[in-house]
Amino acid sequence: MPKITQKIPVIVLTGFLGSGKSTLLQELLTRENGQDTAVIINEFGEVPIDHDLVRVGRGELMRTSTGCLCCTAGADVRATLYELYEAVESGDVAPFSRVIIETTGLADPAPLVNQLVAGAMPAMGLRDHVVARQFVLAGVVTTVDIITGEITLENHFEAAKQVAFADRIVLTKTDLAQDPASKRDIALLAEGLRQLNPAAELIDRHGEGVDPGSLFVPRNYQPASLGEDVLGWLAMDQAVSAEGGHAHGKSGLSRHAARVNSFVLTSDAPFAEANYKRFMDVLVKAAGPRLLRVKGLIALEDAPDKPLVIHAVQHAVFPAVQLEAWPSEDRRGRLVFITDELEEKPVRDLFEAVLVGRPSAMERLRSAIGLGPKPTRDA
């Protein structure tokens, strides 16, 4: 029967919504065929989609969880690692040599690091003791999108903390910057990241000779080397957890405040391409930066058996990627939204009016289009 004979390194892959985490993970697993890698994908909200968007090769073991890991009980991380351990010990899967945890884009790294660093949090039972003996935190990789990175860091504290906890910061989408002005913007962003975290290695994802595999090589991750802010956040999270504040209810949204909302829209029928483009155009123009993330799978009428992978971040809608087939038995079109002070109803009205074509929704199209600017809040 297979046995785990030495500590298994755990690499945390984090980064704000739409910064390219899943793309980077996909490239790594495709290049290495997923050999000897266990993958944990955590998603914000109640409907998983990334497990369909990240495909791995033979030899992999994937677990998907919904509800942000940094919001739900901290033991969730240890519980999932213990499941992986038991799967090897029982012979259900072959031993693996590393674990990669892809966090939700809204994740606060502090609770995850506390759960994985030896001695940071007390073990509550046999399961936690086993995880402490068998697994070790061996790196935090944070992705930063050069297109929306600056405004994201200014407006979302989670993004700044993700950068601060990294021992490797990866600039993504740099291949889209060709003109001198864009390259100057990248240099300014890089300088800002160095000020946030001078200890981390800063890597251009599309730089010459950069191999995704090199980003996930285990190393000696030491939070103390990342500065006093990181140590302070870890200590604060330990104190909150000790008082029972780590459990944030069923929704798991408390760490991200009531303004952050997640919902999913589905359709059993394929869409007309013109209607899909119209829907995204109206939505992006009206919602702007409140549209933190849109991702999903949809089918068009011209090719219902070859779904499109949809990605949008704030004001940027990226070219859809067509798959050769549906990745699972679920063939519904589904779009997952993560928004900032943007209610579900007007988006659903727009969805039904433009895409689904329901007559009753057409009457509400004017209000759906009039989503308006994000209201200002007192500092």
Protein backbone atom coordinates (compact mmCIF):
# COMPACT_ATOMS: atom_id res chain seq x y z
CA MET A 1 0.00 0.00 0.00
CA PRO A 2 1.37 3.49 -0.87
CA LYS A 3 2.73 5.51 2.01
CA ILE A 4 3.85 9.12 2.45
CA THR A 5 7.41 8.84 3.71
CA GLN A 6 8.48 12.48 3.90
CA LYS A 7 6.92 15.91 4.26
CA ILE A 8 5.10 17.08 1.15
CA PRO A 9 5.63 20.70 0.09
CA VAL A 10 2.53 22.89 -0.28
CA ILE A 11 2.68 25.87 -2.65
CA VAL A 12 -0.04 28.53 -2.34
CA LEU A 13 -0.98 30.25 -5.61
CA THR A 14 -2.83 33.50 -4.98
CA GLY A 15 -3.55 36.80 -6.70
CA PHE A 16 -6.54 39.06 -7.19
CA LEU A 17 -9.53 38.23 -9.37
CA GLY A 18 -8.60 37.76 -13.02
CA SER A 19 -4.85 38.09 -12.49
CA GLY A 20 -4.08 34.83 -14.28
CA LYS A 21 -3.81 32.22 -11.54
CA SER A 22 -5.76 29.50 -13.35
CA THR A 23 -3.94 30.19 -16.61
CA LEU A 24 -0.57 29.85 -14.91
CA LEU A 25 -1.66 26.65 -13.17
CA GLN A 26 -3.00 25.24 -16.44
CA GLU A 27 0.30 25.94 -18.20
CA LEU A 28 2.25 24.25 -15.43
CA LEU A 29 0.08 21.14 -15.34
CA THR A 30 -0.09 20.85 -19.12
CA ARG A 31 3.67 21.14 -19.47
CA GLU A 32 4.30 18.59 -16.74
CA ASN A 33 1.18 16.52 -17.48
CA GLY A 34 0.06 16.97 -13.88
CA GLN A 35 2.46 14.30 -12.72
CA ASP A 36 2.72 13.83 -8.97
CA THR A 37 0.77 17.02 -8.23
CA ALA A 38 -2.31 17.32 -6.05
CA VAL A 39 -4.37 20.42 -6.79
CA ILE A 40 -6.78 22.22 -4.47
CA ILE A 41 -8.87 24.91 -6.17
CA ASN A 42 -10.82 27.21 -3.90
CA GLU A 43 -13.57 29.37 -5.39
CA PHE A 44 -15.53 32.35 -4.11
CA GLY A 45 -19.28 31.76 -4.00
CA GLU A 46 -21.35 28.61 -4.15
CA VAL A 47 -20.96 27.42 -7.76
CA PRO A 48 -17.58 26.01 -8.85
CA ILE A 49 -16.39 26.75 -12.38
CA ASP A 50 -12.58 26.57 -12.28
CA HIS A 51 -12.58 22.78 -12.00
CA ASP A 52 -13.94 22.80 -15.56
CA LEU A 53 -11.47 25.43 -16.74
CA VAL A 54 -8.31 23.81 -15.35
CA ARG A 55 -7.60 20.44 -16.89
CA VAL A 56 -4.82 18.24 -15.57
CA GLY A 57 -3.10 15.13 -16.81
CA ARG A 58 -2.92 11.61 -15.50
CA GLY A 59 -1.58 11.19 -12.02
CA GLU A 60 -3.20 14.32 -10.63
CA LEU A 61 -5.60 14.53 -7.72
CA MET A 62 -7.92 17.53 -7.69
CA ARG A 63 -10.14 18.87 -4.96
CA THR A 64 -12.48 21.83 -5.46
CA SER A 65 -14.09 23.78 -2.65
CA THR A 66 -16.50 26.70 -2.71
CA GLY A 67 -16.74 29.41 -0.12
CA CYS A 68 -13.52 31.33 0.43
CA LEU A 69 -11.04 29.33 2.51
CA CYS A 70 -9.96 32.42 4.39
CA CYS A 71 -13.56 33.05 5.51
CA THR A 72 -14.83 29.63 6.45
CA ALA A 73 -13.38 27.68 9.36
CA GLY A 74 -9.60 27.63 9.11
CA ALA A 75 -9.59 23.88 9.58
CA ASP A 76 -10.88 23.55 6.00
CA VAL A 77 -7.33 23.71 4.67
CA ARG A 78 -6.13 21.05 7.05
CA ALA A 79 -9.24 18.96 6.38
CA THR A 80 -8.61 18.95 2.64
CA LEU A 81 -4.95 18.08 3.08
CA TYR A 82 -5.95 15.27 5.41
CA GLU A 83 -8.31 13.94 2.69
CA LEU A 84 -5.37 13.86 0.30
CA TYR A 85 -3.24 12.08 2.88
CA GLU A 86 -5.93 9.45 3.49
CA ALA A 87 -6.39 8.92 -0.26
CA VAL A 88 -2.72 7.97 -0.55
CA GLU A 89 -2.68 5.88 2.61
CA SER A 90 -5.73 3.89 1.47
CA GLY A 91 -4.23 3.27 -1.96
CA ASP A 92 -6.97 5.18 -3.80
CA VAL A 93 -4.36 7.34 -5.53
CA ALA A 94 -0.65 7.14 -6.13
CA PRO A 95 1.64 9.19 -3.89
CA PHE A 96 2.19 12.80 -4.99
CA SER A 97 5.25 14.94 -4.47
CA ARG A 98 3.63 18.36 -3.97
CA VAL A 99 0.33 20.16 -3.41
CA ILE A 100 -0.70 23.40 -5.12
CA ILE A 101 -3.52 25.40 -3.53
CA GLU A 102 -5.09 27.95 -5.88
CA THR A 103 -6.97 30.43 -3.71
CA THR A 104 -9.94 32.54 -4.62
CA GLY A 105 -8.99 35.96 -5.93
CA LEU A 106 -10.37 37.56 -2.76
CA ALA A 107 -8.38 35.42 -0.37
CA ASP A 108 -6.68 36.88 2.66
CA PRO A 109 -3.42 34.90 2.88
CA ALA A 110 -3.03 35.24 6.66
CA PRO A 111 -5.43 32.44 7.73
CA LEU A 112 -4.04 30.06 5.12
CA VAL A 113 -0.43 30.70 6.11
CA ASN A 114 -1.29 30.32 9.79
CA GLN A 115 -2.87 26.94 9.09
CA LEU A 116 0.18 25.73 7.20
CA VAL A 117 3.14 27.12 9.16
CA ALA A 118 4.28 24.77 11.92
CA GLY A 119 3.34 26.03 15.37
CA ALA A 120 1.37 29.06 14.17
CA MET A 121 -2.00 27.61 15.15
CA PRO A 122 -2.75 24.85 17.70
CA ALA A 123 -3.59 21.39 16.41
CA MET A 124 -7.18 20.57 17.38
CA GLY A 125 -7.07 16.81 16.95
CA LEU A 126 -5.40 13.83 15.31
CA ARG A 127 -6.17 15.18 11.83
CA ASP A 128 -4.30 18.43 12.45
CA HIS A 129 -1.33 16.60 13.96
CA VAL A 130 -1.12 14.35 10.89
CA VAL A 131 -1.22 17.34 8.53
CA ALA A 132 1.50 19.11 10.55
CA ARG A 133 3.73 16.02 10.28
CA GLN A 134 3.08 15.32 6.60
CA PHE A 135 2.86 18.74 4.92
CA VAL A 136 4.97 21.91 4.92
CA LEU A 137 4.32 25.35 3.42
CA ALA A 138 7.01 25.74 0.77
CA GLY A 139 6.14 28.96 -1.04
CA VAL A 140 3.53 31.60 -1.88
CA VAL A 141 3.22 32.67 -5.52
CA THR A 142 1.17 35.83 -6.17
CA THR A 143 0.08 36.86 -9.66
CA VAL A 144 -0.39 40.53 -10.54
CA ASP A 145 -2.15 41.60 -13.74
CA ILE A 146 -0.33 44.54 -15.36
CA ILE A 147 -3.57 45.78 -16.96
CA THR A 148 -5.60 46.24 -13.78
CA GLY A 149 -2.89 45.76 -11.15
CA GLU A 150 -2.38 49.39 -10.16
CA ILE A 151 -6.06 50.23 -9.67
CA THR A 152 -6.65 46.89 -7.95
CA LEU A 153 -3.91 47.52 -5.41
CA GLU A 154 -5.32 50.98 -4.74
CA ASN A 155 -8.90 49.82 -4.23
CA HIS A 156 -8.63 46.34 -2.70
CA PHE A 157 -6.69 45.68 0.49
CA GLU A 158 -6.79 41.92 -0.18
CA ALA A 159 -4.62 42.42 -3.26
CA ALA A 160 -1.99 44.30 -1.27
CA LYS A 161 -1.89 41.57 1.36
CA GLN A 162 -1.51 38.90 -1.31
CA VAL A 163 1.54 40.75 -2.60
CA ALA A 164 2.96 41.22 0.90
CA PHE A 165 2.78 37.47 1.70
CA ALA A 166 4.44 36.32 -1.53
CA ASP A 167 7.96 35.06 -1.82
CA ARG A 168 7.51 35.16 -5.62
CA ILE A 169 5.46 37.82 -7.44
CA VAL A 170 4.56 37.04 -11.05
CA LEU A 171 3.63 39.83 -13.46
CA THR A 172 1.06 38.49 -15.90
CA LYS A 173 -0.21 39.66 -19.32
CA THR A 174 3.04 41.49 -19.98
CA ASP A 175 2.93 40.08 -23.52
CA LEU A 176 0.04 42.49 -24.19
CA ALA A 177 2.25 45.53 -23.53
CA GLN A 178 4.13 46.43 -26.70
CA ASP A 179 4.35 50.23 -26.82
CA PRO A 180 6.84 52.30 -24.78
CA ALA A 181 4.12 53.88 -22.61
CA SER A 182 2.81 50.48 -21.53
CA LYS A 183 6.32 49.30 -20.74
CA ARG A 184 6.88 52.39 -18.58
CA ASP A 185 3.64 51.59 -16.74
CA ILE A 186 4.95 48.07 -16.06
CA ALA A 187 8.16 49.50 -14.65
CA LEU A 188 6.19 51.81 -12.34
CA LEU A 189 3.98 48.92 -11.20
CA ALA A 190 7.05 46.78 -10.54
CA GLU A 191 8.57 49.55 -8.44
CA GLY A 192 5.38 49.80 -6.40
CA LEU A 193 5.37 46.04 -5.83
CA ARG A 194 8.99 46.17 -4.63
CA GLN A 195 8.01 48.80 -2.10
CA LEU A 196 5.15 46.61 -0.86
CA ASN A 197 7.36 43.54 -0.65
CA PRO A 198 11.09 44.09 -1.13
CA ALA A 199 11.92 40.50 -0.10
CA ALA A 200 9.99 38.75 -2.86
CA GLU A 201 11.43 37.73 -6.21
CA LEU A 202 9.68 39.68 -8.99
CA ILE A 203 9.21 37.67 -12.19
CA ASP A 204 7.87 38.63 -15.62
CA ARG A 205 5.70 35.68 -16.65
CA HIS A 206 6.54 36.23 -20.30
CA GLY A 207 10.17 37.08 -19.74
CA GLU A 208 12.83 35.20 -21.62
CA GLY A 209 13.51 31.76 -20.23
CA VAL A 210 10.78 31.83 -17.57
CA ASP A 211 9.46 28.32 -16.98
CA PRO A 212 6.22 27.91 -15.00
CA GLY A 213 7.76 24.91 -13.28
CA SER A 214 10.49 27.07 -11.74
CA LEU A 215 7.88 29.15 -9.95
CA PHE A 216 6.60 26.13 -8.03
CA VAL A 217 9.90 24.62 -6.91
CA PRO A 218 9.65 24.11 -3.12
CA ARG A 219 11.73 26.45 -0.99
CA ASN A 220 12.09 27.49 2.64
CA TYR A 221 9.18 29.88 3.13
CA GLN A 222 9.76 32.13 6.13
CA PRO A 223 7.04 34.70 6.94
CA ALA A 224 9.46 36.53 9.26
CA SER A 225 11.56 37.50 6.23
CA LEU A 226 8.64 39.35 4.67
CA GLY A 227 8.46 42.18 7.16
CA GLU A 228 6.63 43.40 10.25
CA ASP A 229 3.31 43.94 8.46
CA VAL A 230 3.08 40.25 7.59
CA LEU A 231 3.93 39.19 11.13
CA GLY A 232 1.35 41.63 12.49
CA TRP A 233 -1.40 40.29 10.20
CA LEU A 234 -0.56 36.72 11.19
CA ALA A 235 -0.67 37.61 14.88
CA MET A 236 -3.99 39.41 14.45
CA ASP A 237 -5.51 36.43 12.65
CA GLN A 238 -4.29 34.09 15.39
CA ALA A 239 -5.93 36.29 18.01
CA VAL A 240 -9.22 36.44 16.11
CA SER A 241 -9.21 32.68 15.57
CA ALA A 242 -8.47 32.02 19.23
CA GLU A 243 -11.62 33.97 20.11
CA GLY A 244 -13.70 31.94 17.69
CA GLY A 245 -13.85 34.68 15.07
CA HIS A 246 -12.58 32.47 12.25
CA ALA A 247 -16.05 31.11 11.54
CA HIS A 248 -17.87 33.68 9.43
CA GLY A 249 -21.16 32.01 8.83
CA LYS A 250 -22.46 29.93 5.95
CA SER A 251 -21.82 32.44 3.22
CA GLY A 252 -18.19 32.99 4.17
CA LEU A 253 -18.27 36.54 2.86
CA SER A 254 -17.60 38.52 6.04
CA ARG A 255 -13.91 39.16 5.47
CA HIS A 256 -14.74 40.85 2.18
CA ALA A 257 -17.57 43.03 3.52
CA ALA A 258 -21.15 43.16 2.39
CA ARG A 259 -20.26 45.10 -0.76
CA VAL A 260 -18.73 42.03 -2.42
CA ASN A 261 -21.34 39.84 -4.06
CA SER A 262 -21.17 36.57 -6.00
CA PHE A 263 -23.86 35.00 -8.16
CA VAL A 264 -24.24 32.75 -11.18
CA LEU A 265 -26.48 33.01 -14.25
CA THR A 266 -27.29 29.90 -16.27
CA SER A 267 -29.02 28.98 -19.50
CA ASP A 268 -29.87 25.61 -21.03
CA ALA A 269 -29.99 27.06 -24.55
CA PRO A 270 -27.04 28.32 -26.61
CA PHE A 271 -26.71 32.03 -27.32
CA ALA A 272 -26.61 34.00 -30.54
CA GLU A 273 -23.11 35.44 -30.86
CA ALA A 274 -24.39 38.97 -31.48
CA ASN A 275 -26.52 38.82 -28.33
CA TYR A 276 -23.59 37.65 -26.21
CA LYS A 277 -21.39 40.50 -27.48
CA ARG A 278 -24.16 43.00 -26.84
CA PHE A 279 -24.67 41.71 -23.30
CA MET A 280 -20.97 41.97 -22.41
CA ASP A 281 -20.59 45.37 -24.04
CA VAL A 282 -23.53 46.90 -22.14
CA LEU A 283 -22.52 45.26 -18.87
CA VAL A 284 -18.87 46.33 -18.96
CA LYS A 285 -19.66 49.91 -19.96
CA ALA A 286 -22.32 50.27 -17.29
CA ALA A 287 -20.65 48.44 -14.40
CA GLY A 288 -17.00 49.35 -15.00
CA PRO A 289 -14.72 48.64 -12.01
CA ARG A 290 -17.63 47.21 -10.01
CA LEU A 291 -17.46 44.15 -12.24
CA LEU A 292 -14.57 42.52 -10.40
CA ARG A 293 -14.71 39.24 -12.30
CA VAL A 294 -16.76 37.32 -14.85
CA LYS A 295 -15.85 33.78 -15.81
CA GLY A 296 -17.74 30.88 -17.27
CA LEU A 297 -18.66 28.58 -20.11
CA ILE A 298 -21.26 29.36 -22.77
CA ALA A 299 -22.35 27.77 -26.04
CA LEU A 300 -23.12 29.69 -29.20
CA GLU A 301 -25.85 28.68 -31.62
CA ASP A 302 -23.32 28.10 -34.41
CA ALA A 303 -21.31 25.56 -32.40
CA PRO A 304 -23.29 24.27 -29.38
CA ASP A 305 -20.90 21.33 -28.81
CA LYS A 306 -17.82 23.56 -28.59
CA PRO A 307 -18.26 25.92 -25.63
CA LEU A 308 -16.47 29.21 -25.14
CA VAL A 309 -14.44 29.99 -22.03
CA ILE A 310 -15.33 33.53 -20.95
CA HIS A 311 -13.06 35.85 -18.95
CA ALA A 312 -13.58 39.49 -17.99
CA VAL A 313 -11.95 41.65 -15.32
CA GLN A 314 -13.42 45.05 -14.51
CA HIS A 315 -13.36 46.99 -17.80
CA ALA A 316 -11.38 44.37 -19.74
CA VAL A 317 -13.06 41.54 -21.65
CA PHE A 318 -10.52 39.04 -22.93
CA PRO A 319 -10.92 37.02 -26.14
CA ALA A 320 -13.01 33.90 -25.60
CA VAL A 321 -11.29 30.54 -26.00
CA GLN A 322 -13.20 27.78 -27.77
CA LEU A 323 -12.96 24.25 -26.38
CA GLU A 324 -13.25 21.14 -28.55
CA ALA A 325 -15.91 19.70 -26.23
CA TRP A 326 -17.69 20.34 -22.95
CA PRO A 327 -15.32 19.45 -20.08
CA SER A 328 -18.03 17.71 -18.05
CA GLU A 329 -21.57 16.36 -18.27
CA ASP A 330 -22.92 19.76 -17.30
CA ARG A 331 -23.66 21.43 -20.64
CA ARG A 332 -25.47 24.48 -19.31
CA GLY A 333 -24.17 27.90 -20.17
CA ARG A 334 -23.06 29.45 -16.88
CA LEU A 335 -21.45 32.75 -16.00
CA VAL A 336 -20.09 33.40 -12.51
CA PHE A 337 -20.01 37.03 -11.39
CA ILE A 338 -18.05 38.58 -8.53
CA THR A 339 -19.01 42.21 -8.07
CA ASP A 340 -18.37 45.23 -5.88
CA GLU A 341 -21.62 46.94 -4.80
CA LEU A 342 -23.39 45.69 -7.91
CA GLU A 343 -26.70 43.94 -7.29
CA GLU A 344 -27.65 40.71 -9.01
CA LYS A 345 -31.11 41.81 -10.20
CA PRO A 346 -30.14 44.38 -12.88
CA VAL A 347 -27.48 42.03 -14.24
CA ARG A 348 -30.00 39.17 -14.35
CA ASP A 349 -32.53 41.44 -16.06
CA LEU A 350 -29.97 42.36 -18.69
CA PHE A 351 -28.99 38.71 -19.09
CA GLU A 352 -32.57 37.60 -19.62
CA ALA A 353 -33.42 40.50 -21.91
CA VAL A 354 -30.43 40.34 -24.23
CA LEU A 355 -29.27 36.73 -24.08
CA VAL A 356 -32.27 34.65 -23.12
CA GLY A 357 -34.74 36.95 -24.88
CA ARG A 358 -37.61 36.78 -22.41
CA PRO A 359 -40.27 39.38 -23.31
CA SER A 360 -40.96 40.32 -19.68
CA ALA A 361 -37.29 41.05 -19.13
CA MET A 362 -37.18 43.30 -22.18
CA GLU A 363 -39.46 45.71 -20.33
CA ARG A 364 -36.80 46.05 -17.64
CA LEU A 365 -33.90 46.48 -20.03
CA ARG A 366 -33.77 50.24 -19.54
CA SER A 367 -33.20 49.90 -15.80
CA ALA A 368 -30.68 47.11 -16.39
CA ILE A 369 -28.67 49.29 -18.74
CA GLY A 370 -28.89 52.18 -16.31
CA LEU A 371 -26.64 50.51 -13.77
CA GLY A 372 -24.98 53.88 -13.33
CA PRO A 373 -21.64 54.85 -11.81
CA LYS A 374 -20.39 53.34 -8.58
CA PRO A 375 -21.67 55.43 -5.67
CA THR A 376 -19.02 57.25 -3.69
CA ARG A 377 -18.39 56.32 -0.08
CA ASP A 378 -17.08 58.47 2.71
CA ALA A 379 -13.46 57.74 3.54
